Amino acid sequence: MGAIFMDILFLNQKDVKKILDMSSAIEVNEDAFLQHGLGNVQMPVKSYLYMHEYNGDLRTMPAFIENQDICGVKVVNVHPDNQRVGLPTVMAVVLLNSTSTGAPLAMMEASYLTDVRTGAAGGIAAKYLARKNSHVIGMIGAGHQAHTQLLALSHLFDIKHVKVTSADMEENEMLERDLKPVLDCEFTLTMDIEEVCDCDILVTTTPVRKPLVRREWIKAGTHINAIGADAKGKQELDSELLLHSKVIVDDVPQASHSGEVNVAISEGFMKVDDIYCELGHVIAGVCQGRQSDEEITIFDSTGLAIQDVATANYVYTKALHNNIGKKLEIF
């Protein structure tokens, strides 16, 4: 047999940003959730390696969308102390593989991709679970993820007022400065969490391990996107609120281990059976989402590997078509 030559397409963050926009991410991720709801995916629960000495962890997230021949894995870290050394808290790469040979096809920077696909998931969840006449958005947390969450909602709702709170007023001001030209609506910046909870759609994007949102602050009909809890021990909403709301998760095994519900379940406050269903089941019509204007709905987002590989495959396909990226010979 003669020599075999093979290359892999490398895409840096600038390349990914040239290609991936929120509208496309919403479309791609909604279909990924649909395939999940229809049972057309293989996706083990994400695995964690904990670097306790460095207050960080490393996560691997493989997935195969069977009926679309999309296969790959994301490797992502979370190191909150990285700012001290000038690095992002979260860094990620996605590797796409051929389903027929297993050969690596592309490697791309995935921190931006992760931000956008997570924002898209929040928008999709609100599309199916929030009241259609939702106009007031509450944001608890104002970092990178808050930006993409709000941007996704702006594609799907007529937003008239955004209330923002976080531990850093400068971050609140940055969120308003960046998104107000896009939304063209009223912004209220405050340090009062209860005030922000008086809204139609509440988005929480913090890394806290003690709940910030109390049940009595949430009015009937509110939809909540709980985004921040993505590891064991994290919790943004008090357990009473979880127990007395309709909770929809992205993936039951993963959410039970590391989503918003993980603490309430581990402490015996609620059971896995108290989870209503998965978002993919709502999109596929297997389960009904919101059933009245009075019920409180919660989307517990942990971030799924199918989102990463589906979004990465979209970027890869567009990159090939537009001759973006750099081909690297691997053997």
C-alpha atoms as a PDB file:
ATOM      1  CA  MET A   1       0.000   0.000   0.000  1.00  0.00           C
ATOM      2  CA  GLY A   2       1.282   3.435  -0.914  1.00  0.00           C
ATOM      3  CA  ALA A   3       1.626   6.331   1.450  1.00  0.00           C
ATOM      4  CA  ILE A   4      -1.608   7.793   2.817  1.00  0.00           C
ATOM      5  CA  PHE A   5      -1.872  11.533   3.154  1.00  0.00           C
ATOM      6  CA  MET A   6      -4.533  13.110   5.341  1.00  0.00           C
ATOM      7  CA  ASP A   7      -5.122  16.548   6.714  1.00  0.00           C
ATOM      8  CA  ILE A   8      -7.411  18.106   9.293  1.00  0.00           C
ATOM      9  CA  LEU A   9      -9.087  21.498   9.075  1.00  0.00           C
ATOM     10  CA  PHE A  10      -8.128  23.800  11.943  1.00  0.00           C
ATOM     11  CA  LEU A  11     -10.417  26.723  12.782  1.00  0.00           C
ATOM     12  CA  ASN A  12      -9.433  29.326  15.346  1.00  0.00           C
ATOM     13  CA  GLN A  13     -11.911  31.547  17.192  1.00  0.00           C
ATOM     14  CA  LYS A  14     -11.780  34.268  14.532  1.00  0.00           C
ATOM     15  CA  ASP A  15     -12.704  31.678  11.915  1.00  0.00           C
ATOM     16  CA  VAL A  16     -15.623  30.391  13.971  1.00  0.00           C
ATOM     17  CA  LYS A  17     -16.886  33.944  14.585  1.00  0.00           C
ATOM     18  CA  LYS A  18     -16.871  34.624  10.838  1.00  0.00           C
ATOM     19  CA  ILE A  19     -19.288  31.743  10.327  1.00  0.00           C
ATOM     20  CA  LEU A  20     -21.489  31.254  13.395  1.00  0.00           C
ATOM     21  CA  ASP A  21     -24.350  33.668  14.081  1.00  0.00           C
ATOM     22  CA  MET A  22     -27.177  33.338  16.596  1.00  0.00           C
ATOM     23  CA  SER A  23     -29.934  32.783  14.069  1.00  0.00           C
ATOM     24  CA  SER A  24     -28.096  29.804  12.564  1.00  0.00           C
ATOM     25  CA  ALA A  25     -27.206  28.481  16.019  1.00  0.00           C
ATOM     26  CA  ILE A  26     -30.870  28.499  17.062  1.00  0.00           C
ATOM     27  CA  GLU A  27     -31.864  26.555  13.956  1.00  0.00           C
ATOM     28  CA  VAL A  28     -29.069  23.986  14.314  1.00  0.00           C
ATOM     29  CA  ASN A  29     -29.557  23.475  18.046  1.00  0.00           C
ATOM     30  CA  GLU A  30     -33.337  23.159  17.815  1.00  0.00           C
ATOM     31  CA  ASP A  31     -32.837  20.289  15.386  1.00  0.00           C
ATOM     32  CA  ALA A  32     -30.201  18.722  17.673  1.00  0.00           C
ATOM     33  CA  PHE A  33     -32.680  18.762  20.570  1.00  0.00           C
ATOM     34  CA  LEU A  34     -35.317  17.285  18.264  1.00  0.00           C
ATOM     35  CA  GLN A  35     -33.022  14.388  17.340  1.00  0.00           C
ATOM     36  CA  HIS A  36     -32.344  13.857  21.041  1.00  0.00           C
ATOM     37  CA  GLY A  37     -36.080  13.744  21.707  1.00  0.00           C
ATOM     38  CA  LEU A  38     -36.583  11.236  18.895  1.00  0.00           C
ATOM     39  CA  GLY A  39     -33.820   8.968  20.203  1.00  0.00           C
ATOM     40  CA  ASN A  40     -31.487   9.411  17.239  1.00  0.00           C
ATOM     41  CA  VAL A  41     -28.343  10.151  19.244  1.00  0.00           C
ATOM     42  CA  GLN A  42     -25.642   8.452  21.269  1.00  0.00           C
ATOM     43  CA  MET A  43     -24.456  10.734  24.064  1.00  0.00           C
ATOM     44  CA  PRO A  44     -22.847   9.549  27.306  1.00  0.00           C
ATOM     45  CA  VAL A  45     -23.103  11.843  30.304  1.00  0.00           C
ATOM     46  CA  LYS A  46     -20.180  14.294  30.298  1.00  0.00           C
ATOM     47  CA  SER A  47     -17.245  13.093  32.365  1.00  0.00           C
ATOM     48  CA  TYR A  48     -15.299  15.264  34.810  1.00  0.00           C
ATOM     49  CA  LEU A  49     -11.703  15.360  36.004  1.00  0.00           C
ATOM     50  CA  TYR A  50     -11.314  17.582  39.067  1.00  0.00           C
ATOM     51  CA  MET A  51      -8.106  19.557  39.629  1.00  0.00           C
ATOM     52  CA  HIS A  52      -8.838  20.561  43.218  1.00  0.00           C
ATOM     53  CA  GLU A  53      -5.371  22.048  43.738  1.00  0.00           C
ATOM     54  CA  TYR A  54      -6.109  24.542  40.958  1.00  0.00           C
ATOM     55  CA  ASN A  55      -9.855  25.023  41.606  1.00  0.00           C
ATOM     56  CA  GLY A  56     -10.706  23.656  38.187  1.00  0.00           C
ATOM     57  CA  ASP A  57     -12.041  20.772  36.181  1.00  0.00           C
ATOM     58  CA  LEU A  58     -11.749  19.244  32.719  1.00  0.00           C
ATOM     59  CA  ARG A  59     -14.798  17.809  30.954  1.00  0.00           C
ATOM     60  CA  THR A  60     -15.132  15.517  27.925  1.00  0.00           C
ATOM     61  CA  MET A  61     -18.350  15.463  25.914  1.00  0.00           C
ATOM     62  CA  PRO A  62     -18.694  12.932  23.060  1.00  0.00           C
ATOM     63  CA  ALA A  63     -21.769  12.577  20.847  1.00  0.00           C
ATOM     64  CA  PHE A  64     -23.002  10.872  17.677  1.00  0.00           C
ATOM     65  CA  ILE A  65     -26.110  12.108  15.843  1.00  0.00           C
ATOM     66  CA  GLU A  66     -26.853   8.906  14.036  1.00  0.00           C
ATOM     67  CA  ASN A  67     -29.231   9.934  11.271  1.00  0.00           C
ATOM     68  CA  GLN A  68     -27.053  12.884  10.258  1.00  0.00           C
ATOM     69  CA  ASP A  69     -23.622  11.202  10.408  1.00  0.00           C
ATOM     70  CA  ILE A  70     -22.260  13.801  12.822  1.00  0.00           C
ATOM     71  CA  CYS A  71     -19.736  12.583  15.369  1.00  0.00           C
ATOM     72  CA  GLY A  72     -17.204  14.249  17.630  1.00  0.00           C
ATOM     73  CA  VAL A  73     -16.135  15.290  21.092  1.00  0.00           C
ATOM     74  CA  LYS A  74     -15.666  18.530  22.979  1.00  0.00           C
ATOM     75  CA  VAL A  75     -13.021  18.979  25.644  1.00  0.00           C
ATOM     76  CA  VAL A  76     -13.671  21.941  27.935  1.00  0.00           C
ATOM     77  CA  ASN A  77     -12.235  23.278  31.180  1.00  0.00           C
ATOM     78  CA  VAL A  78     -13.659  25.489  33.909  1.00  0.00           C
ATOM     79  CA  HIS A  79     -10.985  27.244  35.982  1.00  0.00           C
ATOM     80  CA  PRO A  80     -12.485  30.283  37.780  1.00  0.00           C
ATOM     81  CA  ASP A  81      -9.061  31.526  38.936  1.00  0.00           C
ATOM     82  CA  ASN A  82      -7.700  31.847  35.394  1.00  0.00           C
ATOM     83  CA  GLN A  83      -8.299  35.592  35.351  1.00  0.00           C
ATOM     84  CA  ARG A  84      -5.332  35.950  37.682  1.00  0.00           C
ATOM     85  CA  VAL A  85      -3.043  34.688  34.912  1.00  0.00           C
ATOM     86  CA  GLY A  86      -4.819  36.413  32.035  1.00  0.00           C
ATOM     87  CA  LEU A  87      -6.695  33.384  30.699  1.00  0.00           C
ATOM     88  CA  PRO A  88     -10.424  32.803  30.210  1.00  0.00           C
ATOM     89  CA  THR A  89     -12.302  30.831  32.851  1.00  0.00           C
ATOM     90  CA  VAL A  90     -13.605  28.488  30.150  1.00  0.00           C
ATOM     91  CA  MET A  91     -11.630  27.215  27.165  1.00  0.00           C
ATOM     92  CA  ALA A  92     -12.741  24.504  24.770  1.00  0.00           C
ATOM     93  CA  VAL A  93     -11.993  22.677  21.544  1.00  0.00           C
ATOM     94  CA  VAL A  94     -14.208  20.414  19.439  1.00  0.00           C
ATOM     95  CA  LEU A  95     -12.891  17.545  17.349  1.00  0.00           C
ATOM     96  CA  LEU A  96     -15.137  16.284  14.538  1.00  0.00           C
ATOM     97  CA  ASN A  97     -14.622  12.757  13.216  1.00  0.00           C
ATOM     98  CA  SER A  98     -15.704  10.839  10.160  1.00  0.00           C
ATOM     99  CA  THR A  99     -18.424   8.358  11.096  1.00  0.00           C
ATOM    100  CA  SER A 100     -17.333   5.921   8.366  1.00  0.00           C
ATOM    101  CA  THR A 101     -13.595   5.763   9.177  1.00  0.00           C
ATOM    102  CA  GLY A 102     -13.219   7.567  12.511  1.00  0.00           C
ATOM    103  CA  ALA A 103     -10.629   9.850  10.923  1.00  0.00           C
ATOM    104  CA  PRO A 104     -10.423  13.362  12.413  1.00  0.00           C
ATOM    105  CA  LEU A 105     -11.930  15.924  10.057  1.00  0.00           C
ATOM    106  CA  ALA A 106     -11.713  19.212  11.913  1.00  0.00           C
ATOM    107  CA  MET A 107     -10.573  20.786  15.150  1.00  0.00           C
ATOM    108  CA  MET A 108     -11.924  24.167  16.178  1.00  0.00           C
ATOM    109  CA  GLU A 109     -11.768  26.579  19.074  1.00  0.00           C
ATOM    110  CA  ALA A 110     -15.064  26.158  20.905  1.00  0.00           C
ATOM    111  CA  SER A 111     -15.286  28.732  23.720  1.00  0.00           C
ATOM    112  CA  TYR A 112     -17.232  31.126  21.502  1.00  0.00           C
ATOM    113  CA  LEU A 113     -19.148  28.205  20.011  1.00  0.00           C
ATOM    114  CA  THR A 114     -20.106  27.083  23.536  1.00  0.00           C
ATOM    115  CA  ASP A 115     -21.345  30.559  24.470  1.00  0.00           C
ATOM    116  CA  VAL A 116     -23.488  30.809  21.352  1.00  0.00           C
ATOM    117  CA  ARG A 117     -24.945  27.301  21.420  1.00  0.00           C
ATOM    118  CA  THR A 118     -25.830  27.690  25.119  1.00  0.00           C
ATOM    119  CA  GLY A 119     -27.516  31.009  24.416  1.00  0.00           C
ATOM    120  CA  ALA A 120     -29.389  29.369  21.558  1.00  0.00           C
ATOM    121  CA  ALA A 121     -30.605  26.601  23.886  1.00  0.00           C
ATOM    122  CA  GLY A 122     -32.050  29.192  26.266  1.00  0.00           C
ATOM    123  CA  GLY A 123     -33.863  30.883  23.408  1.00  0.00           C
ATOM    124  CA  ILE A 124     -35.244  27.577  22.146  1.00  0.00           C
ATOM    125  CA  ALA A 125     -36.440  26.594  25.617  1.00  0.00           C
ATOM    126  CA  ALA A 126     -38.219  29.925  26.041  1.00  0.00           C
ATOM    127  CA  LYS A 127     -39.797  29.543  22.595  1.00  0.00           C
ATOM    128  CA  TYR A 128     -41.517  26.351  23.750  1.00  0.00           C
ATOM    129  CA  LEU A 129     -42.020  27.091  27.461  1.00  0.00           C
ATOM    130  CA  ALA A 130     -42.483  30.830  28.014  1.00  0.00           C
ATOM    131  CA  ARG A 131     -45.712  32.728  27.481  1.00  0.00           C
ATOM    132  CA  LYS A 132     -45.894  34.076  23.938  1.00  0.00           C
ATOM    133  CA  ASN A 133     -46.576  37.589  25.230  1.00  0.00           C
ATOM    134  CA  SER A 134     -43.385  37.692  27.297  1.00  0.00           C
ATOM    135  CA  HIS A 135     -41.832  41.165  27.070  1.00  0.00           C
ATOM    136  CA  VAL A 136     -39.849  41.665  30.302  1.00  0.00           C
ATOM    137  CA  ILE A 137     -36.567  39.798  30.744  1.00  0.00           C
ATOM    138  CA  GLY A 138     -34.739  39.455  34.070  1.00  0.00           C
ATOM    139  CA  MET A 139     -31.014  38.688  33.999  1.00  0.00           C
ATOM    140  CA  ILE A 140     -29.161  37.443  37.086  1.00  0.00           C
ATOM    141  CA  GLY A 141     -25.536  37.464  36.013  1.00  0.00           C
ATOM    142  CA  ALA A 142     -24.131  39.735  33.304  1.00  0.00           C
ATOM    143  CA  GLY A 143     -21.081  37.903  31.930  1.00  0.00           C
ATOM    144  CA  HIS A 144     -20.408  36.371  28.512  1.00  0.00           C
ATOM    145  CA  GLN A 145     -23.223  33.841  28.811  1.00  0.00           C
ATOM    146  CA  ALA A 146     -25.724  36.530  29.760  1.00  0.00           C
ATOM    147  CA  HIS A 147     -24.928  38.288  26.480  1.00  0.00           C
ATOM    148  CA  THR A 148     -25.714  35.269  24.307  1.00  0.00           C
ATOM    149  CA  GLN A 149     -28.783  34.318  26.331  1.00  0.00           C
ATOM    150  CA  LEU A 150     -30.263  37.785  25.882  1.00  0.00           C
ATOM    151  CA  LEU A 151     -29.268  37.895  22.223  1.00  0.00           C
ATOM    152  CA  ALA A 152     -31.051  34.587  21.568  1.00  0.00           C
ATOM    153  CA  LEU A 153     -34.210  35.781  23.322  1.00  0.00           C
ATOM    154  CA  SER A 154     -34.157  38.930  21.192  1.00  0.00           C
ATOM    155  CA  HIS A 155     -34.504  36.737  18.083  1.00  0.00           C
ATOM    156  CA  LEU A 156     -37.680  35.133  19.419  1.00  0.00           C
ATOM    157  CA  PHE A 157     -39.494  37.696  21.591  1.00  0.00           C
ATOM    158  CA  ASP A 158     -40.522  41.340  21.396  1.00  0.00           C
ATOM    159  CA  ILE A 159     -38.459  42.539  24.352  1.00  0.00           C
ATOM    160  CA  LYS A 160     -39.551  45.849  25.873  1.00  0.00           C
ATOM    161  CA  HIS A 161     -37.649  45.883  29.190  1.00  0.00           C
ATOM    162  CA  VAL A 162     -34.519  44.149  30.491  1.00  0.00           C
ATOM    163  CA  LYS A 163     -33.669  44.076  34.202  1.00  0.00           C
ATOM    164  CA  VAL A 164     -30.071  43.189  35.049  1.00  0.00           C
ATOM    165  CA  THR A 165     -28.285  42.353  38.283  1.00  0.00           C
ATOM    166  CA  SER A 166     -24.901  40.861  39.107  1.00  0.00           C
ATOM    167  CA  ALA A 167     -22.189  41.241  41.693  1.00  0.00           C
ATOM    168  CA  ASP A 168     -20.380  43.677  39.380  1.00  0.00           C
ATOM    169  CA  MET A 169     -22.159  46.856  38.276  1.00  0.00           C
ATOM    170  CA  GLU A 170     -19.550  47.354  35.555  1.00  0.00           C
ATOM    171  CA  GLU A 171     -20.646  44.052  34.011  1.00  0.00           C
ATOM    172  CA  ASN A 172     -24.266  45.199  34.186  1.00  0.00           C
ATOM    173  CA  GLU A 173     -23.325  48.388  32.344  1.00  0.00           C
ATOM    174  CA  MET A 174     -21.363  46.443  29.732  1.00  0.00           C
ATOM    175  CA  LEU A 175     -24.343  44.171  29.053  1.00  0.00           C
ATOM    176  CA  GLU A 176     -26.558  47.219  28.524  1.00  0.00           C
ATOM    177  CA  ARG A 177     -23.963  48.939  26.329  1.00  0.00           C
ATOM    178  CA  ASP A 178     -23.497  45.861  24.129  1.00  0.00           C
ATOM    179  CA  LEU A 179     -27.127  44.772  23.766  1.00  0.00           C
ATOM    180  CA  LYS A 180     -29.173  47.968  23.925  1.00  0.00           C
ATOM    181  CA  PRO A 181     -28.398  48.868  20.287  1.00  0.00           C
ATOM    182  CA  VAL A 182     -29.660  45.417  19.290  1.00  0.00           C
ATOM    183  CA  LEU A 183     -32.759  45.339  21.491  1.00  0.00           C
ATOM    184  CA  ASP A 184     -33.616  49.069  21.527  1.00  0.00           C
ATOM    185  CA  CYS A 185     -35.571  48.728  24.772  1.00  0.00           C
ATOM    186  CA  GLU A 186     -35.534  49.958  28.369  1.00  0.00           C
ATOM    187  CA  PHE A 187     -32.783  48.632  30.687  1.00  0.00           C
ATOM    188  CA  THR A 188     -32.844  48.672  34.491  1.00  0.00           C
ATOM    189  CA  LEU A 189     -29.541  47.991  36.259  1.00  0.00           C
ATOM    190  CA  THR A 190     -29.841  47.118  39.922  1.00  0.00           C
ATOM    191  CA  MET A 191     -28.233  45.197  42.764  1.00  0.00           C
ATOM    192  CA  ASP A 192     -31.669  43.983  43.926  1.00  0.00           C
ATOM    193  CA  ILE A 193     -32.236  40.361  42.851  1.00  0.00           C
ATOM    194  CA  GLU A 194     -35.876  40.368  43.939  1.00  0.00           C
ATOM    195  CA  GLU A 195     -36.596  43.324  41.647  1.00  0.00           C
ATOM    196  CA  VAL A 196     -35.105  41.472  38.683  1.00  0.00           C
ATOM    197  CA  CYS A 197     -37.235  38.386  39.436  1.00  0.00           C
ATOM    198  CA  ASP A 198     -40.367  40.420  38.649  1.00  0.00           C
ATOM    199  CA  CYS A 199     -40.323  39.556  34.951  1.00  0.00           C
ATOM    200  CA  ASP A 200     -41.756  37.253  32.291  1.00  0.00           C
ATOM    201  CA  ILE A 201     -38.555  35.327  31.511  1.00  0.00           C
ATOM    202  CA  LEU A 202     -35.794  35.052  34.117  1.00  0.00           C
ATOM    203  CA  VAL A 203     -32.286  33.977  33.096  1.00  0.00           C
ATOM    204  CA  THR A 204     -29.699  32.926  35.697  1.00  0.00           C
ATOM    205  CA  THR A 205     -26.071  32.596  34.578  1.00  0.00           C
ATOM    206  CA  THR A 206     -24.046  32.526  37.809  1.00  0.00           C
ATOM    207  CA  PRO A 207     -21.662  29.876  39.237  1.00  0.00           C
ATOM    208  CA  VAL A 208     -23.094  29.998  42.772  1.00  0.00           C
ATOM    209  CA  ARG A 209     -23.485  27.079  45.160  1.00  0.00           C
ATOM    210  CA  LYS A 210     -26.102  28.722  47.381  1.00  0.00           C
ATOM    211  CA  PRO A 211     -29.455  29.640  45.813  1.00  0.00           C
ATOM    212  CA  LEU A 212     -29.999  33.262  44.788  1.00  0.00           C
ATOM    213  CA  VAL A 213     -33.645  33.036  43.720  1.00  0.00           C
ATOM    214  CA  ARG A 214     -36.385  32.452  46.284  1.00  0.00           C
ATOM    215  CA  ARG A 215     -39.713  30.842  45.494  1.00  0.00           C
ATOM    216  CA  GLU A 216     -41.775  33.760  46.834  1.00  0.00           C
ATOM    217  CA  TRP A 217     -40.096  36.170  44.402  1.00  0.00           C
ATOM    218  CA  ILE A 218     -41.358  34.333  41.304  1.00  0.00           C
ATOM    219  CA  LYS A 219     -44.815  35.266  40.080  1.00  0.00           C
ATOM    220  CA  ALA A 220     -47.232  32.904  38.337  1.00  0.00           C
ATOM    221  CA  GLY A 221     -46.543  32.440  34.637  1.00  0.00           C
ATOM    222  CA  THR A 222     -42.803  33.115  34.799  1.00  0.00           C
ATOM    223  CA  HIS A 223     -40.420  31.029  32.724  1.00  0.00           C
ATOM    224  CA  ILE A 224     -36.882  30.533  34.065  1.00  0.00           C
ATOM    225  CA  ASN A 225     -33.782  29.534  32.105  1.00  0.00           C
ATOM    226  CA  ALA A 226     -31.416  28.138  34.760  1.00  0.00           C
ATOM    227  CA  ILE A 227     -28.060  28.155  32.990  1.00  0.00           C
ATOM    228  CA  GLY A 228     -25.333  28.541  35.614  1.00  0.00           C
ATOM    229  CA  ALA A 229     -25.456  25.146  37.365  1.00  0.00           C
ATOM    230  CA  ASP A 230     -23.269  22.889  35.233  1.00  0.00           C
ATOM    231  CA  ALA A 231     -21.405  20.863  37.866  1.00  0.00           C
ATOM    232  CA  LYS A 232     -22.167  18.927  41.020  1.00  0.00           C
ATOM    233  CA  GLY A 233     -22.972  21.207  43.970  1.00  0.00           C
ATOM    234  CA  LYS A 234     -24.019  24.262  41.952  1.00  0.00           C
ATOM    235  CA  GLN A 235     -27.526  25.679  42.507  1.00  0.00           C
ATOM    236  CA  GLU A 236     -29.105  29.055  41.624  1.00  0.00           C
ATOM    237  CA  LEU A 237     -32.791  28.427  42.491  1.00  0.00           C
ATOM    238  CA  ASP A 238     -34.070  27.377  45.892  1.00  0.00           C
ATOM    239  CA  SER A 239     -35.334  23.820  46.101  1.00  0.00           C
ATOM    240  CA  GLU A 240     -38.887  24.879  47.014  1.00  0.00           C
ATOM    241  CA  LEU A 241     -39.124  26.716  43.697  1.00  0.00           C
ATOM    242  CA  LEU A 242     -37.919  23.637  41.805  1.00  0.00           C
ATOM    243  CA  LEU A 243     -40.366  21.361  43.561  1.00  0.00           C
ATOM    244  CA  HIS A 244     -43.368  23.577  42.837  1.00  0.00           C
ATOM    245  CA  SER A 245     -42.581  24.310  39.173  1.00  0.00           C
ATOM    246  CA  LYS A 246     -42.641  22.367  35.913  1.00  0.00           C
ATOM    247  CA  VAL A 247     -38.983  21.441  35.431  1.00  0.00           C
ATOM    248  CA  ILE A 248     -37.772  20.566  31.931  1.00  0.00           C
ATOM    249  CA  VAL A 249     -34.124  19.530  31.540  1.00  0.00           C
ATOM    250  CA  ASP A 250     -31.888  19.142  28.519  1.00  0.00           C
ATOM    251  CA  ASP A 251     -30.918  15.595  29.550  1.00  0.00           C
ATOM    252  CA  VAL A 252     -32.194  13.750  32.633  1.00  0.00           C
ATOM    253  CA  PRO A 253     -29.041  11.738  33.543  1.00  0.00           C
ATOM    254  CA  GLN A 254     -26.744  14.719  33.057  1.00  0.00           C
ATOM    255  CA  ALA A 255     -28.994  17.244  34.827  1.00  0.00           C
ATOM    256  CA  SER A 256     -29.507  14.870  37.755  1.00  0.00           C
ATOM    257  CA  HIS A 257     -25.743  14.767  38.232  1.00  0.00           C
ATOM    258  CA  SER A 258     -24.710  18.333  37.445  1.00  0.00           C
ATOM    259  CA  GLY A 259     -27.687  20.549  36.564  1.00  0.00           C
ATOM    260  CA  GLU A 260     -29.821  22.925  38.593  1.00  0.00           C
ATOM    261  CA  VAL A 261     -31.699  19.969  40.099  1.00  0.00           C
ATOM    262  CA  ASN A 262     -28.589  18.113  41.276  1.00  0.00           C
ATOM    263  CA  VAL A 263     -28.477  19.497  44.820  1.00  0.00           C
ATOM    264  CA  ALA A 264     -32.210  19.137  45.435  1.00  0.00           C
ATOM    265  CA  ILE A 265     -32.045  15.514  44.262  1.00  0.00           C
ATOM    266  CA  SER A 266     -28.872  14.629  46.190  1.00  0.00           C
ATOM    267  CA  GLU A 267     -30.366  16.078  49.375  1.00  0.00           C
ATOM    268  CA  GLY A 268     -33.599  14.132  48.890  1.00  0.00           C
ATOM    269  CA  PHE A 269     -35.705  17.252  48.495  1.00  0.00           C
ATOM    270  CA  MET A 270     -36.921  16.125  45.080  1.00  0.00           C
ATOM    271  CA  LYS A 271     -36.685  12.925  43.059  1.00  0.00           C
ATOM    272  CA  VAL A 272     -35.593  12.343  39.482  1.00  0.00           C
ATOM    273  CA  ASP A 273     -39.239  11.445  38.800  1.00  0.00           C
ATOM    274  CA  ASP A 274     -40.181  15.030  39.720  1.00  0.00           C
ATOM    275  CA  ILE A 275     -38.505  16.205  36.505  1.00  0.00           C
ATOM    276  CA  TYR A 276     -41.309  16.727  33.993  1.00  0.00           C
ATOM    277  CA  CYS A 277     -39.430  15.802  30.803  1.00  0.00           C
ATOM    278  CA  GLU A 278     -36.558  16.710  28.475  1.00  0.00           C
ATOM    279  CA  LEU A 279     -36.650  19.676  26.101  1.00  0.00           C
ATOM    280  CA  GLY A 280     -36.236  17.381  23.093  1.00  0.00           C
ATOM    281  CA  HIS A 281     -39.437  15.572  24.059  1.00  0.00           C
ATOM    282  CA  VAL A 282     -41.332  18.874  24.052  1.00  0.00           C
ATOM    283  CA  ILE A 283     -39.956  19.818  20.630  1.00  0.00           C
ATOM    284  CA  ALA A 284     -40.758  16.339  19.274  1.00  0.00           C
ATOM    285  CA  GLY A 285     -44.307  16.541  20.623  1.00  0.00           C
ATOM    286  CA  VAL A 286     -43.813  13.627  23.017  1.00  0.00           C
ATOM    287  CA  CYS A 287     -44.569  15.897  25.990  1.00  0.00           C
ATOM    288  CA  GLN A 288     -46.592  19.087  26.196  1.00  0.00           C
ATOM    289  CA  GLY A 289     -44.700  22.149  27.372  1.00  0.00           C
ATOM    290  CA  ARG A 290     -46.516  25.076  28.953  1.00  0.00           C
ATOM    291  CA  GLN A 291     -50.145  24.183  29.606  1.00  0.00           C
ATOM    292  CA  SER A 292     -51.395  27.417  31.194  1.00  0.00           C
ATOM    293  CA  ASP A 293     -50.428  31.057  31.608  1.00  0.00           C
ATOM    294  CA  GLU A 294     -50.201  30.559  35.387  1.00  0.00           C
ATOM    295  CA  GLU A 295     -47.700  27.742  35.739  1.00  0.00           C
ATOM    296  CA  ILE A 296     -44.016  28.392  36.429  1.00  0.00           C
ATOM    297  CA  THR A 297     -41.718  26.613  33.999  1.00  0.00           C
ATOM    298  CA  ILE A 298     -37.993  26.033  34.463  1.00  0.00           C
ATOM    299  CA  PHE A 299     -35.461  24.936  31.857  1.00  0.00           C
ATOM    300  CA  ASP A 300     -32.431  23.303  33.471  1.00  0.00           C
ATOM    301  CA  SER A 301     -29.557  23.600  30.987  1.00  0.00           C
ATOM    302  CA  THR A 302     -26.339  21.639  31.494  1.00  0.00           C
ATOM    303  CA  GLY A 303     -25.119  21.890  27.901  1.00  0.00           C
ATOM    304  CA  LEU A 304     -25.191  18.812  25.682  1.00  0.00           C
ATOM    305  CA  ALA A 305     -22.507  17.305  23.496  1.00  0.00           C
ATOM    306  CA  ILE A 306     -25.026  16.991  20.670  1.00  0.00           C
ATOM    307  CA  GLN A 307     -25.258  20.781  20.671  1.00  0.00           C
ATOM    308  CA  ASP A 308     -21.490  21.039  20.324  1.00  0.00           C
ATOM    309  CA  VAL A 309     -21.067  18.535  17.501  1.00  0.00           C
ATOM    310  CA  ALA A 310     -24.126  19.772  15.587  1.00  0.00           C
ATOM    311  CA  THR A 311     -22.955  23.388  15.822  1.00  0.00           C
ATOM    312  CA  ALA A 312     -19.367  22.420  15.004  1.00  0.00           C
ATOM    313  CA  ASN A 313     -20.534  20.449  11.968  1.00  0.00           C
ATOM    314  CA  TYR A 314     -22.423  23.522  10.729  1.00  0.00           C
ATOM    315  CA  VAL A 315     -19.265  25.619  11.140  1.00  0.00           C
ATOM    316  CA  TYR A 316     -17.111  22.950   9.451  1.00  0.00           C
ATOM    317  CA  THR A 317     -19.447  22.667   6.444  1.00  0.00           C
ATOM    318  CA  LYS A 318     -19.559  26.449   5.989  1.00  0.00           C
ATOM    319  CA  ALA A 319     -15.781  26.693   6.405  1.00  0.00           C
ATOM    320  CA  LEU A 320     -15.184  24.173   3.628  1.00  0.00           C
ATOM    321  CA  HIS A 321     -17.601  25.986   1.326  1.00  0.00           C
ATOM    322  CA  ASN A 322     -16.021  29.388   1.993  1.00  0.00           C
ATOM    323  CA  ASN A 323     -12.396  28.234   2.178  1.00  0.00           C
ATOM    324  CA  ILE A 324     -11.988  29.362   5.803  1.00  0.00           C
ATOM    325  CA  GLY A 325      -9.440  27.829   8.168  1.00  0.00           C
ATOM    326  CA  LYS A 326      -6.110  26.114   7.803  1.00  0.00           C
ATOM    327  CA  LYS A 327      -5.494  22.563   6.683  1.00  0.00           C
ATOM    328  CA  LEU A 328      -2.904  20.736   8.772  1.00  0.00           C
ATOM    329  CA  GLU A 329      -1.275  17.515   7.594  1.00  0.00           C
ATOM    330  CA  ILE A 330      -1.427  14.902  10.341  1.00  0.00           C
ATOM    331  CA  PHE A 331       0.177  12.007   8.429  1.00  0.00           C
END
